[in-house]
């Protein structure tokens, strides 16, 4: 008996289909990975923006409460820190941009007037004004800034970051 030689597979059966499928899967996995990374960075940006806006809001609330307490001291003829606008002026100082850069009108809350472990990069501001309608009613306006806040030095317009404005009316 003679031994049979193994018959080599025909060339027709080898078409490279496995290579094509592997390449397609590699492309699909690469695109899926890129989409996942993009979504993760977008979510991270959104969360960071929300954090910065909340931070600016908290600093504005701090300044608002500070000025409200100063108005109460003013009305009780006790020593107070801020300059309270009395009598009322027209237009109200809080509506005039230049007023926010006048230390005699707007008060920048200093680090000694704050409590907490975190100090802002740009300190919040507030001002208190007597209303024209009733001398016993005061409008208190405050603004807080996020840590990424920057402004144009010439016209004080916001370049980046968050500025939160809060206002309250109190009767003394």
Protein backbone atom coordinates (compact mmCIF):
# COMPACT_ATOMS: atom_id res chain seq x y z
CA UNK A 1 0.00 0.00 0.00
CA UNK A 2 1.15 3.34 -0.80
CA UNK A 3 0.77 6.25 1.52
CA UNK A 4 -1.37 9.03 0.30
CA UNK A 5 0.00 12.46 0.20
CA UNK A 6 -2.09 15.09 1.96
CA UNK A 7 -3.99 17.20 -0.50
CA UNK A 8 -3.25 20.91 -0.06
CA UNK A 9 -6.32 23.12 0.34
CA UNK A 10 -7.33 24.83 -2.82
CA UNK A 11 -6.54 28.48 -3.26
CA UNK A 12 -10.17 29.19 -3.93
CA UNK A 13 -11.10 28.56 -0.26
CA UNK A 14 -8.66 31.20 1.03
CA UNK A 15 -10.30 34.54 0.33
CA UNK A 16 -9.14 36.62 3.37
CA UNK A 17 -12.64 37.10 4.77
CA UNK A 18 -11.34 36.87 8.35
CA UNK A 19 -8.96 39.77 7.74
CA UNK A 20 -11.73 41.95 6.33
CA UNK A 21 -14.04 41.20 9.27
CA UNK A 22 -11.25 41.92 11.77
CA UNK A 23 -10.48 45.26 10.06
CA UNK A 24 -14.16 46.26 10.09
CA UNK A 25 -14.44 45.37 13.78
CA UNK A 26 -11.33 47.42 14.51
CA UNK A 27 -12.86 50.45 12.78
CA UNK A 28 -16.18 50.03 14.64
CA UNK A 29 -14.42 49.69 18.01
CA UNK A 30 -12.28 52.76 17.26
CA UNK A 31 -15.33 54.89 16.38
CA UNK A 32 -17.22 53.70 19.44
CA UNK A 33 -14.24 54.52 21.67
CA UNK A 34 -13.96 58.02 20.18
CA UNK A 35 -17.68 58.65 20.78
CA UNK A 36 -17.44 57.48 24.39
CA UNK A 37 -14.44 59.72 25.08
CA UNK A 38 -16.19 62.70 23.49
CA UNK A 39 -19.32 62.17 25.59
CA UNK A 40 -17.22 61.88 28.75
CA UNK A 41 -15.40 65.16 28.10
CA UNK A 42 -18.67 66.92 27.22
CA UNK A 43 -20.24 65.75 30.48
CA UNK A 44 -17.15 66.87 32.39
CA UNK A 45 -17.36 70.36 30.86
CA UNK A 46 -21.06 70.63 31.68
CA UNK A 47 -20.48 69.61 35.29
CA UNK A 48 -17.59 72.07 35.65
CA UNK A 49 -19.67 74.92 34.18
CA UNK A 50 -22.49 74.11 36.60
CA UNK A 51 -20.02 74.10 39.51
CA UNK A 52 -18.60 77.49 38.52
CA UNK A 53 -22.06 79.01 38.14
CA UNK A 54 -23.13 77.66 41.52
CA UNK A 55 -19.95 79.04 43.07
CA UNK A 56 -20.66 82.51 41.63
CA UNK A 57 -24.23 82.27 42.95
CA UNK A 58 -23.00 81.43 46.45
CA UNK A 59 -20.57 84.36 46.46
CA UNK A 60 -23.37 86.69 45.29
CA UNK A 61 -25.62 85.40 48.09
CA UNK A 62 -22.82 86.02 50.59
CA UNK A 63 -22.44 89.63 49.41
CA UNK A 64 -26.21 90.16 49.41
CA UNK A 65 -26.56 88.95 53.01
CA UNK A 66 -23.58 91.07 54.06
CA UNK A 67 -25.06 94.27 52.60
CA UNK A 68 -28.50 93.49 54.01
CA UNK A 69 -26.96 93.23 57.48
CA UNK A 70 -25.18 96.55 56.90
CA UNK A 71 -28.47 98.25 55.95
CA UNK A 72 -30.00 97.05 59.19
CA UNK A 73 -27.05 98.50 61.13
CA UNK A 74 -27.42 101.77 59.17
CA UNK A 75 -31.14 101.98 60.01
CA UNK A 76 -30.41 101.40 63.71
CA UNK A 77 -27.73 104.15 63.66
CA UNK A 78 -25.03 101.64 64.54
CA UNK A 79 -21.56 101.54 62.98
CA UNK A 80 -21.65 99.95 59.56
CA UNK A 81 -19.04 99.15 56.90
CA UNK A 82 -20.67 99.98 53.57
CA UNK A 83 -21.79 103.32 52.24
CA UNK A 84 -25.57 103.19 52.03
CA UNK A 85 -27.03 105.49 49.35
CA UNK A 86 -29.55 107.72 51.07
CA UNK A 87 -31.40 109.63 49.71
CA UNK A 88 -32.24 107.84 46.49
CA UNK A 89 -30.60 108.82 43.22
CA UNK A 90 -31.95 108.51 39.71
CA UNK A 91 -31.11 106.35 37.87
CA UNK A 92 -30.40 103.81 40.56
CA UNK A 93 -26.66 103.27 41.03
CA UNK A 94 -26.88 99.52 40.51
CA UNK A 95 -28.00 100.16 36.90
CA UNK A 96 -24.94 102.32 36.10
CA UNK A 97 -21.85 100.28 35.22
CA UNK A 98 -19.42 102.92 36.47
CA UNK A 99 -20.98 102.78 39.95
CA UNK A 100 -19.63 99.26 40.45
CA UNK A 101 -16.08 100.59 40.14
CA UNK A 102 -16.55 103.46 42.59
CA UNK A 103 -15.54 102.43 46.12
CA UNK A 104 -17.79 105.12 47.61
CA UNK A 105 -20.86 103.43 46.10
CA UNK A 106 -20.15 99.70 45.66
CA UNK A 107 -18.61 97.65 48.44
CA UNK A 108 -16.23 94.82 47.59
CA UNK A 109 -16.56 92.20 50.31
CA UNK A 110 -13.10 91.64 51.79
CA UNK A 111 -11.68 88.32 52.95
CA UNK A 112 -12.04 89.39 56.59
CA UNK A 113 -15.77 89.89 56.08
CA UNK A 114 -16.22 86.33 54.80
CA UNK A 115 -16.37 83.02 56.56
CA UNK A 116 -15.41 79.75 54.96
CA UNK A 117 -12.36 77.95 53.74
CA UNK A 118 -12.59 78.99 50.09
CA UNK A 119 -11.90 82.55 49.06
CA UNK A 120 -12.86 83.75 45.59
CA UNK A 121 -10.34 84.92 43.01
CA UNK A 122 -12.58 87.94 42.34
CA UNK A 123 -14.32 89.14 45.49
CA UNK A 124 -18.09 89.74 45.34
CA UNK A 125 -19.58 93.22 45.44
CA UNK A 126 -22.76 94.76 46.77
CA UNK A 127 -24.46 98.11 47.15
CA UNK A 128 -27.47 99.34 49.08
CA UNK A 129 -29.71 102.17 47.96
CA UNK A 130 -32.71 103.86 49.42
CA UNK A 131 -35.72 103.73 47.10
CA UNK A 132 -37.36 106.90 45.82
CA UNK A 133 -40.85 105.61 46.64
CA UNK A 134 -40.28 105.09 50.35
CA UNK A 135 -37.25 106.14 52.43
CA UNK A 136 -37.70 103.09 54.66
CA UNK A 137 -37.26 100.67 51.76
CA UNK A 138 -33.79 99.80 50.50
CA UNK A 139 -32.75 97.93 47.38
CA UNK A 140 -29.71 95.75 47.92
CA UNK A 141 -27.89 94.49 44.83
CA UNK A 142 -25.01 92.02 44.81
CA UNK A 143 -22.90 90.31 42.21
CA UNK A 144 -20.68 87.27 42.57
CA UNK A 145 -18.02 85.95 40.21
CA UNK A 146 -16.85 82.46 39.32
CA UNK A 147 -13.20 81.48 39.64
CA UNK A 148 -12.75 81.55 35.85
CA UNK A 149 -14.13 85.11 35.55
CA UNK A 150 -12.10 87.58 33.51
CA UNK A 151 -13.09 91.03 32.32
CA UNK A 152 -11.90 93.56 29.80
CA UNK A 153 -9.83 96.16 31.67
CA UNK A 154 -11.06 99.01 29.46
CA UNK A 155 -14.84 98.69 29.48
CA UNK A 156 -15.24 96.03 32.22
CA UNK A 157 -17.20 93.71 29.95
CA UNK A 158 -17.10 90.01 30.76
CA UNK A 159 -14.64 87.99 28.67
CA UNK A 160 -15.17 84.61 30.32
CA UNK A 161 -16.73 83.07 33.40
CA UNK A 162 -19.95 83.63 35.28
CA UNK A 163 -21.34 86.74 36.93
CA UNK A 164 -24.45 86.25 39.04
CA UNK A 165 -26.57 89.23 40.04
CA UNK A 166 -28.95 89.07 43.00
CA UNK A 167 -31.22 91.73 44.39
CA UNK A 168 -33.44 92.08 47.40
CA UNK A 169 -35.68 94.75 48.85
CA UNK A 170 -35.81 95.25 52.57
CA UNK A 171 -37.92 97.50 54.70
CA UNK A 172 -36.44 98.92 57.88
